[in-house]
Amino acid sequence: ICYLDVGPGEGVLLRECLHSFCRDCLRQLINCS
């Protein structure tokens, strides 16, 4: 989403599809949904 580097343990792996994103982007995605 933001194309920034995410260190080990800092990102989130989504259970349903195994795609990973940083926490801040996922939080903004939820708040804007």
PDB file of all heavy atoms in Angstrom:
ATOM      1  N   ILE A   1       0.837  -1.206   0.000  1.00  0.00           N
ATOM      2  CA  ILE A   1       0.000   0.000   0.000  1.00  0.00           C
ATOM      3  C   ILE A   1       0.870   1.253   0.000  1.00  0.00           C
ATOM      4  O   ILE A   1       0.765   2.109  -0.886  1.00  0.00           O
ATOM      5  CB  ILE A   1      -0.951   0.013   1.212  1.00  0.00           C
ATOM      6  CG1 ILE A   1      -1.881  -1.205   1.167  1.00  0.00           C
ATOM      7  CG2 ILE A   1      -1.776   1.300   1.242  1.00  0.00           C
ATOM      8  CD1 ILE A   1      -2.809  -1.313   2.360  1.00  0.00           C
ATOM      9  N   CYS A   2       1.761   1.370   0.988  1.00  0.00           N
ATOM     10  CA  CYS A   2       2.608   2.572   1.095  1.00  0.00           C
ATOM     11  C   CYS A   2       3.979   2.368   0.456  1.00  0.00           C
ATOM     12  O   CYS A   2       4.739   3.328   0.300  1.00  0.00           O
ATOM     13  CB  CYS A   2       2.768   2.977   2.551  1.00  0.00           C
ATOM     14  SG  CYS A   2       3.636   1.753   3.570  1.00  0.00           S
ATOM     15  N   TYR A   3       4.324   1.115   0.110  1.00  0.00           N
ATOM     16  CA  TYR A   3       5.603   0.759  -0.526  1.00  0.00           C
ATOM     17  C   TYR A   3       6.814   1.093   0.339  1.00  0.00           C
ATOM     18  O   TYR A   3       7.903   1.319  -0.166  1.00  0.00           O
ATOM     19  CB  TYR A   3       5.719   1.411  -1.903  1.00  0.00           C
ATOM     20  CG  TYR A   3       4.696   0.899  -2.877  1.00  0.00           C
ATOM     21  CD1 TYR A   3       3.572   1.659  -3.175  1.00  0.00           C
ATOM     22  CD2 TYR A   3       4.827  -0.352  -3.456  1.00  0.00           C
ATOM     23  CE1 TYR A   3       2.604   1.181  -4.053  1.00  0.00           C
ATOM     24  CE2 TYR A   3       3.863  -0.836  -4.327  1.00  0.00           C
ATOM     25  CZ  TYR A   3       2.761  -0.071  -4.629  1.00  0.00           C
ATOM     26  OH  TYR A   3       1.800  -0.557  -5.494  1.00  0.00           O
ATOM     27  N   LEU A   4       6.624   1.122   1.650  1.00  0.00           N
ATOM     28  CA  LEU A   4       7.734   1.300   2.573  1.00  0.00           C
ATOM     29  C   LEU A   4       8.221  -0.064   3.043  1.00  0.00           C
ATOM     30  O   LEU A   4       7.466  -1.046   3.073  1.00  0.00           O
ATOM     31  CB  LEU A   4       7.302   2.140   3.780  1.00  0.00           C
ATOM     32  CG  LEU A   4       6.902   3.595   3.487  1.00  0.00           C
ATOM     33  CD1 LEU A   4       6.448   4.270   4.774  1.00  0.00           C
ATOM     34  CD2 LEU A   4       8.063   4.367   2.850  1.00  0.00           C
ATOM     35  N   ASP A   5       9.496  -0.116   3.405  1.00  0.00           N
ATOM     36  CA  ASP A   5      10.051  -1.363   3.913  1.00  0.00           C
ATOM     37  C   ASP A   5       9.500  -1.666   5.297  1.00  0.00           C
ATOM     38  O   ASP A   5       9.359  -0.770   6.144  1.00  0.00           O
ATOM     39  CB  ASP A   5      11.575  -1.277   3.978  1.00  0.00           C
ATOM     40  CG  ASP A   5      12.208  -1.187   2.586  1.00  0.00           C
ATOM     41  OD1 ASP A   5      11.584  -1.708   1.634  1.00  0.00           O
ATOM     42  OD2 ASP A   5      13.300  -0.598   2.460  1.00  0.00           O
ATOM     43  N   VAL A   6       9.183  -2.927   5.524  1.00  0.00           N
ATOM     44  CA  VAL A   6       8.635  -3.371   6.803  1.00  0.00           C
ATOM     45  C   VAL A   6       9.555  -4.445   7.362  1.00  0.00           C
ATOM     46  O   VAL A   6       9.835  -5.449   6.703  1.00  0.00           O
ATOM     47  CB  VAL A   6       7.208  -3.929   6.635  1.00  0.00           C
ATOM     48  CG1 VAL A   6       6.651  -4.368   7.984  1.00  0.00           C
ATOM     49  CG2 VAL A   6       6.299  -2.899   5.983  1.00  0.00           C
ATOM     50  N   GLY A   7      10.060  -4.222   8.569  1.00  0.00           N
ATOM     51  CA  GLY A   7      10.990  -5.160   9.173  1.00  0.00           C
ATOM     52  C   GLY A   7      10.309  -6.426   9.664  1.00  0.00           C
ATOM     53  O   GLY A   7       9.077  -6.487   9.767  1.00  0.00           O
ATOM     54  N   PRO A   8      11.082  -7.453   9.979  1.00  0.00           N
ATOM     55  CA  PRO A   8      10.522  -8.706  10.507  1.00  0.00           C
ATOM     56  C   PRO A   8       9.697  -8.456  11.767  1.00  0.00           C
ATOM     57  O   PRO A   8      10.133  -7.740  12.668  1.00  0.00           O
ATOM     58  CB  PRO A   8      11.752  -9.549  10.805  1.00  0.00           C
ATOM     59  CG  PRO A   8      12.830  -8.976   9.933  1.00  0.00           C
ATOM     60  CD  PRO A   8      12.555  -7.512   9.841  1.00  0.00           C
ATOM     61  N   GLY A   9       8.501  -9.024  11.816  1.00  0.00           N
ATOM     62  CA  GLY A   9       7.622  -8.868  12.971  1.00  0.00           C
ATOM     63  C   GLY A   9       6.842  -7.575  12.997  1.00  0.00           C
ATOM     64  O   GLY A   9       5.978  -7.389  13.854  1.00  0.00           O
ATOM     65  N   GLU A  10       7.116  -6.643  12.059  1.00  0.00           N
ATOM     66  CA  GLU A  10       6.436  -5.343  12.073  1.00  0.00           C
ATOM     67  C   GLU A  10       5.215  -5.316  11.155  1.00  0.00           C
ATOM     68  O   GLU A  10       4.357  -4.449  11.282  1.00  0.00           O
ATOM     69  CB  GLU A  10       7.411  -4.234  11.660  1.00  0.00           C
ATOM     70  CG  GLU A  10       8.575  -4.065  12.637  1.00  0.00           C
ATOM     71  CD  GLU A  10       9.542  -2.983  12.183  1.00  0.00           C
ATOM     72  OE1 GLU A  10       9.298  -2.401  11.100  1.00  0.00           O
ATOM     73  OE2 GLU A  10      10.523  -2.725  12.899  1.00  0.00           O
ATOM     74  N   GLY A  11       5.155  -6.237  10.207  1.00  0.00           N
ATOM     75  CA  GLY A  11       4.005  -6.305   9.312  1.00  0.00           C
ATOM     76  C   GLY A  11       2.979  -7.325   9.781  1.00  0.00           C
ATOM     77  O   GLY A  11       3.179  -8.012  10.789  1.00  0.00           O
ATOM     78  N   VAL A  12       1.864  -7.418   9.043  1.00  0.00           N
ATOM     79  CA  VAL A  12       0.789  -8.358   9.375  1.00  0.00           C
ATOM     80  C   VAL A  12       0.530  -9.247   8.162  1.00  0.00           C
ATOM     81  O   VAL A  12       0.349  -8.751   7.045  1.00  0.00           O
ATOM     82  CB  VAL A  12      -0.502  -7.618   9.770  1.00  0.00           C
ATOM     83  CG1 VAL A  12      -1.638  -8.605   9.982  1.00  0.00           C
ATOM     84  CG2 VAL A  12      -0.267  -6.796  11.022  1.00  0.00           C
ATOM     85  N   LEU A  13       0.508 -10.544   8.395  1.00  0.00           N
ATOM     86  CA  LEU A  13       0.189 -11.524   7.364  1.00  0.00           C
ATOM     87  C   LEU A  13      -1.290 -11.886   7.505  1.00  0.00           C
ATOM     88  O   LEU A  13      -1.703 -12.420   8.523  1.00  0.00           O
ATOM     89  CB  LEU A  13       1.060 -12.770   7.535  1.00  0.00           C
ATOM     90  CG  LEU A  13       0.977 -13.838   6.439  1.00  0.00           C
ATOM     91  CD1 LEU A  13       1.636 -13.344   5.155  1.00  0.00           C
ATOM     92  CD2 LEU A  13       1.646 -15.126   6.909  1.00  0.00           C
ATOM     93  N   LEU A  14      -2.089 -11.549   6.498  1.00  0.00           N
ATOM     94  CA  LEU A  14      -3.526 -11.823   6.564  1.00  0.00           C
ATOM     95  C   LEU A  14      -3.788 -13.322   6.441  1.00  0.00           C
ATOM     96  O   LEU A  14      -3.253 -13.996   5.558  1.00  0.00           O
ATOM     97  CB  LEU A  14      -4.261 -11.064   5.460  1.00  0.00           C
ATOM     98  CG  LEU A  14      -4.138  -9.534   5.498  1.00  0.00           C
ATOM     99  CD1 LEU A  14      -4.960  -8.911   4.380  1.00  0.00           C
ATOM    100  CD2 LEU A  14      -4.564  -8.980   6.853  1.00  0.00           C
ATOM    101  N   ARG A  15      -4.605 -13.832   7.315  1.00  0.00           N
ATOM    102  CA  ARG A  15      -4.823 -15.268   7.387  1.00  0.00           C
ATOM    103  C   ARG A  15      -5.512 -15.831   6.140  1.00  0.00           C
ATOM    104  O   ARG A  15      -5.203 -16.935   5.708  1.00  0.00           O
ATOM    105  CB  ARG A  15      -5.680 -15.604   8.612  1.00  0.00           C
ATOM    106  CG  ARG A  15      -4.925 -15.600   9.927  1.00  0.00           C
ATOM    107  CD  ARG A  15      -5.845 -16.044  11.051  1.00  0.00           C
ATOM    108  NE  ARG A  15      -5.089 -16.458  12.216  1.00  0.00           N
ATOM    109  CZ  ARG A  15      -4.636 -15.626  13.142  1.00  0.00           C
ATOM    110  NH1 ARG A  15      -4.855 -14.337  13.017  1.00  0.00           N
ATOM    111  NH2 ARG A  15      -3.947 -16.082  14.178  1.00  0.00           N
ATOM    112  N   GLU A  16      -6.463 -15.103   5.591  1.00  0.00           N
ATOM    113  CA  GLU A  16      -7.269 -15.652   4.504  1.00  0.00           C
ATOM    114  C   GLU A  16      -6.502 -15.797   3.197  1.00  0.00           C
ATOM    115  O   GLU A  16      -6.810 -16.654   2.385  1.00  0.00           O
ATOM    116  CB  GLU A  16      -8.509 -14.769   4.280  1.00  0.00           C
ATOM    117  CG  GLU A  16      -9.498 -14.778   5.430  1.00  0.00           C
ATOM    118  CD  GLU A  16     -10.175 -16.131   5.617  1.00  0.00           C
ATOM    119  OE1 GLU A  16     -10.338 -16.853   4.616  1.00  0.00           O
ATOM    120  OE2 GLU A  16     -10.522 -16.471   6.757  1.00  0.00           O
ATOM    121  N   CYS A  17      -5.517 -14.937   2.964  1.00  0.00           N
ATOM    122  CA  CYS A  17      -4.854 -14.924   1.651  1.00  0.00           C
ATOM    123  C   CYS A  17      -3.334 -14.912   1.725  1.00  0.00           C
ATOM    124  O   CYS A  17      -2.664 -15.025   0.688  1.00  0.00           O
ATOM    125  CB  CYS A  17      -5.329 -13.715   0.854  1.00  0.00           C
ATOM    126  SG  CYS A  17      -5.057 -12.135   1.702  1.00  0.00           S
ATOM    127  N   LEU A  18      -2.762 -14.680   2.934  1.00  0.00           N
ATOM    128  CA  LEU A  18      -1.308 -14.644   3.148  1.00  0.00           C
ATOM    129  C   LEU A  18      -0.636 -13.430   2.522  1.00  0.00           C
ATOM    130  O   LEU A  18       0.580 -13.413   2.386  1.00  0.00           O
ATOM    131  CB  LEU A  18      -0.640 -15.926   2.621  1.00  0.00           C
ATOM    132  CG  LEU A  18      -1.199 -17.238   3.168  1.00  0.00           C
ATOM    133  CD1 LEU A  18      -0.414 -18.421   2.642  1.00  0.00           C
ATOM    134  CD2 LEU A  18      -1.213 -17.234   4.695  1.00  0.00           C
ATOM    135  N   HIS A  19      -1.407 -12.393   2.153  1.00  0.00           N
ATOM    136  CA  HIS A  19      -0.794 -11.130   1.726  1.00  0.00           C
ATOM    137  C   HIS A  19      -0.408 -10.340   2.974  1.00  0.00           C
ATOM    138  O   HIS A  19      -1.101 -10.399   3.995  1.00  0.00           O
ATOM    139  CB  HIS A  19      -1.768 -10.322   0.863  1.00  0.00           C
ATOM    140  CG  HIS A  19      -2.018 -10.935  -0.481  1.00  0.00           C
ATOM    141  ND1 HIS A  19      -3.280 -11.141  -0.991  1.00  0.00           N
ATOM    142  CD2 HIS A  19      -1.152 -11.404  -1.413  1.00  0.00           C
ATOM    143  CE1 HIS A  19      -3.189 -11.706  -2.186  1.00  0.00           C
ATOM    144  NE2 HIS A  19      -1.913 -11.876  -2.461  1.00  0.00           N
ATOM    145  N   SER A  20       0.700  -9.611   2.881  1.00  0.00           N
ATOM    146  CA  SER A  20       1.195  -8.892   4.055  1.00  0.00           C
ATOM    147  C   SER A  20       1.245  -7.393   3.786  1.00  0.00           C
ATOM    148  O   SER A  20       1.517  -6.946   2.659  1.00  0.00           O
ATOM    149  CB  SER A  20       2.584  -9.403   4.444  1.00  0.00           C
ATOM    150  OG  SER A  20       3.506  -9.214   3.382  1.00  0.00           O
ATOM    151  N   PHE A  21       0.989  -6.616   4.860  1.00  0.00           N
ATOM    152  CA  PHE A  21       0.990  -5.158   4.796  1.00  0.00           C
ATOM    153  C   PHE A  21       1.472  -4.626   6.141  1.00  0.00           C
ATOM    154  O   PHE A  21       1.510  -5.354   7.141  1.00  0.00           O
ATOM    155  CB  PHE A  21      -0.421  -4.619   4.516  1.00  0.00           C
ATOM    156  CG  PHE A  21      -1.067  -5.212   3.294  1.00  0.00           C
ATOM    157  CD1 PHE A  21      -1.853  -6.353   3.404  1.00  0.00           C
ATOM    158  CD2 PHE A  21      -0.880  -4.644   2.050  1.00  0.00           C
ATOM    159  CE1 PHE A  21      -2.446  -6.911   2.284  1.00  0.00           C
ATOM    160  CE2 PHE A  21      -1.469  -5.197   0.924  1.00  0.00           C
ATOM    161  CZ  PHE A  21      -2.253  -6.328   1.041  1.00  0.00           C
ATOM    162  N   CYS A  22       1.805  -3.350   6.179  1.00  0.00           N
ATOM    163  CA  CYS A  22       2.191  -2.751   7.454  1.00  0.00           C
ATOM    164  C   CYS A  22       0.931  -2.464   8.271  1.00  0.00           C
ATOM    165  O   CYS A  22      -0.169  -2.320   7.737  1.00  0.00           O
ATOM    166  CB  CYS A  22       3.015  -1.478   7.240  1.00  0.00           C
ATOM    167  SG  CYS A  22       2.089  -0.056   6.633  1.00  0.00           S
ATOM    168  N   ARG A  23       1.089  -2.389   9.572  1.00  0.00           N
ATOM    169  CA  ARG A  23      -0.048  -2.206  10.476  1.00  0.00           C
ATOM    170  C   ARG A  23      -0.761  -0.875  10.246  1.00  0.00           C
ATOM    171  O   ARG A  23      -1.996  -0.814  10.275  1.00  0.00           O
ATOM    172  CB  ARG A  23       0.425  -2.299  11.933  1.00  0.00           C
ATOM    173  CG  ARG A  23       0.899  -3.682  12.334  1.00  0.00           C
ATOM    174  CD  ARG A  23       1.549  -3.665  13.705  1.00  0.00           C
ATOM    175  NE  ARG A  23       2.024  -4.989  14.100  1.00  0.00           N
ATOM    176  CZ  ARG A  23       1.425  -5.768  14.997  1.00  0.00           C
ATOM    177  NH1 ARG A  23       0.339  -5.330  15.605  1.00  0.00           N
ATOM    178  NH2 ARG A  23       1.912  -6.961  15.297  1.00  0.00           N
ATOM    179  N   ASP A  24      -0.007   0.203  10.025  1.00  0.00           N
ATOM    180  CA  ASP A  24      -0.621   1.523   9.869  1.00  0.00           C
ATOM    181  C   ASP A  24      -1.536   1.573   8.651  1.00  0.00           C
ATOM    182  O   ASP A  24      -2.632   2.154   8.705  1.00  0.00           O
ATOM    183  CB  ASP A  24       0.465   2.600   9.752  1.00  0.00           C
ATOM    184  CG  ASP A  24       1.150   2.867  11.080  1.00  0.00           C
ATOM    185  OD1 ASP A  24       0.577   2.498  12.129  1.00  0.00           O
ATOM    186  OD2 ASP A  24       2.259   3.442  11.082  1.00  0.00           O
ATOM    187  N   CYS A  25      -1.111   0.948   7.550  1.00  0.00           N
ATOM    188  CA  CYS A  25      -1.937   0.963   6.341  1.00  0.00           C
ATOM    189  C   CYS A  25      -3.217   0.165   6.541  1.00  0.00           C
ATOM    190  O   CYS A  25      -4.294   0.574   6.096  1.00  0.00           O
ATOM    191  CB  CYS A  25      -1.153   0.435   5.148  1.00  0.00           C
ATOM    192  SG  CYS A  25       0.080   1.599   4.503  1.00  0.00           S
ATOM    193  N   LEU A  26      -3.114  -0.976   7.210  1.00  0.00           N
ATOM    194  CA  LEU A  26      -4.309  -1.766   7.461  1.00  0.00           C
ATOM    195  C   LEU A  26      -5.263  -1.046   8.406  1.00  0.00           C
ATOM    196  O   LEU A  26      -6.487  -1.094   8.233  1.00  0.00           O
ATOM    197  CB  LEU A  26      -3.932  -3.128   8.038  1.00  0.00           C
ATOM    198  CG  LEU A  26      -3.274  -4.117   7.061  1.00  0.00           C
ATOM    199  CD1 LEU A  26      -2.849  -5.382   7.794  1.00  0.00           C
ATOM    200  CD2 LEU A  26      -4.228  -4.468   5.917  1.00  0.00           C
ATOM    201  N   ARG A  27      -4.715  -0.345   9.385  1.00  0.00           N
ATOM    202  CA  ARG A  27      -5.553   0.415  10.314  1.00  0.00           C
ATOM    203  C   ARG A  27      -6.294   1.529   9.580  1.00  0.00           C
ATOM    204  O   ARG A  27      -7.499   1.734   9.780  1.00  0.00           O
ATOM    205  CB  ARG A  27      -4.672   1.006  11.416  1.00  0.00           C
ATOM    206  CG  ARG A  27      -5.422   1.903  12.397  1.00  0.00           C
ATOM    207  CD  ARG A  27      -4.549   2.250  13.583  1.00  0.00           C
ATOM    208  NE  ARG A  27      -5.161   3.277  14.406  1.00  0.00           N
ATOM    209  CZ  ARG A  27      -4.781   4.552  14.431  1.00  0.00           C
ATOM    210  NH1 ARG A  27      -3.772   4.952  13.682  1.00  0.00           N
ATOM    211  NH2 ARG A  27      -5.389   5.417  15.199  1.00  0.00           N
ATOM    212  N   GLN A  28      -5.617   2.235   8.699  1.00  0.00           N
ATOM    213  CA  GLN A  28      -6.275   3.287   7.922  1.00  0.00           C
ATOM    214  C   GLN A  28      -7.325   2.701   6.982  1.00  0.00           C
ATOM    215  O   GLN A  28      -8.389   3.295   6.765  1.00  0.00           O
ATOM    216  CB  GLN A  28      -5.243   4.074   7.124  1.00  0.00           C
ATOM    217  CG  GLN A  28      -4.291   4.908   7.989  1.00  0.00           C
ATOM    218  CD  GLN A  28      -3.264   5.663   7.176  1.00  0.00           C
ATOM    219  OE1 GLN A  28      -3.542   6.047   6.041  1.00  0.00           O
ATOM    220  NE2 GLN A  28      -2.085   5.857   7.736  1.00  0.00           N
ATOM    221  N   LEU A  29      -7.020   1.534   6.417  1.00  0.00           N
ATOM    222  CA  LEU A  29      -7.975   0.868   5.543  1.00  0.00           C
ATOM    223  C   LEU A  29      -9.277   0.570   6.282  1.00  0.00           C
ATOM    224  O   LEU A  29     -10.372   0.800   5.757  1.00  0.00           O
ATOM    225  CB  LEU A  29      -7.359  -0.428   5.013  1.00  0.00           C
ATOM    226  CG  LEU A  29      -8.250  -1.314   4.134  1.00  0.00           C
ATOM    227  CD1 LEU A  29      -8.468  -0.661   2.775  1.00  0.00           C
ATOM    228  CD2 LEU A  29      -7.632  -2.696   3.971  1.00  0.00           C
ATOM    229  N   ILE A  30      -9.174   0.074   7.510  1.00  0.00           N
ATOM    230  CA  ILE A  30     -10.358  -0.243   8.304  1.00  0.00           C
ATOM    231  C   ILE A  30     -11.135   1.018   8.651  1.00  0.00           C
ATOM    232  O   ILE A  30     -12.365   1.068   8.528  1.00  0.00           O
ATOM    233  CB  ILE A  30      -9.952  -0.998   9.584  1.00  0.00           C
ATOM    234  CG1 ILE A  30      -9.310  -2.339   9.227  1.00  0.00           C
ATOM    235  CG2 ILE A  30     -11.147  -1.195  10.512  1.00  0.00           C
ATOM    236  CD1 ILE A  30      -8.591  -3.000  10.385  1.00  0.00           C
ATOM    237  N   ASN A  31     -10.433   2.063   9.068  1.00  0.00           N
ATOM    238  CA  ASN A  31     -11.103   3.297   9.486  1.00  0.00           C
ATOM    239  C   ASN A  31     -11.766   4.026   8.323  1.00  0.00           C
ATOM    240  O   ASN A  31     -12.690   4.819   8.539  1.00  0.00           O
ATOM    241  CB  ASN A  31     -10.099   4.230  10.176  1.00  0.00           C
ATOM    242  CG  ASN A  31      -9.712   3.735  11.554  1.00  0.00           C
ATOM    243  OD1 ASN A  31     -10.484   3.050  12.218  1.00  0.00           O
ATOM    244  ND2 ASN A  31      -8.503   4.059  11.997  1.00  0.00           N
ATOM    245  N   CYS A  32     -11.324   3.763   7.108  1.00  0.00           N
ATOM    246  CA  CYS A  32     -11.922   4.420   5.939  1.00  0.00           C
ATOM    247  C   CYS A  32     -12.957   3.546   5.237  1.00  0.00           C
ATOM    248  O   CYS A  32     -13.611   4.000   4.289  1.00  0.00           O
ATOM    249  CB  CYS A  32     -10.837   4.808   4.935  1.00  0.00           C
ATOM    250  SG  CYS A  32      -9.685   6.068   5.517  1.00  0.00           S
ATOM    251  N   SER A  33     -13.096   2.312   5.685  1.00  0.00           N
ATOM    252  CA  SER A  33     -13.998   1.382   5.004  1.00  0.00           C
ATOM    253  C   SER A  33     -15.456   1.758   5.235  1.00  0.00           C
ATOM    254  O   SER A  33     -15.878   2.022   6.358  1.00  0.00           O
ATOM    255  CB  SER A  33     -13.753  -0.054   5.498  1.00  0.00           C
ATOM    256  OG  SER A  33     -14.680  -0.937   4.932  1.00  0.00           O
TER     257      SER A  33
END
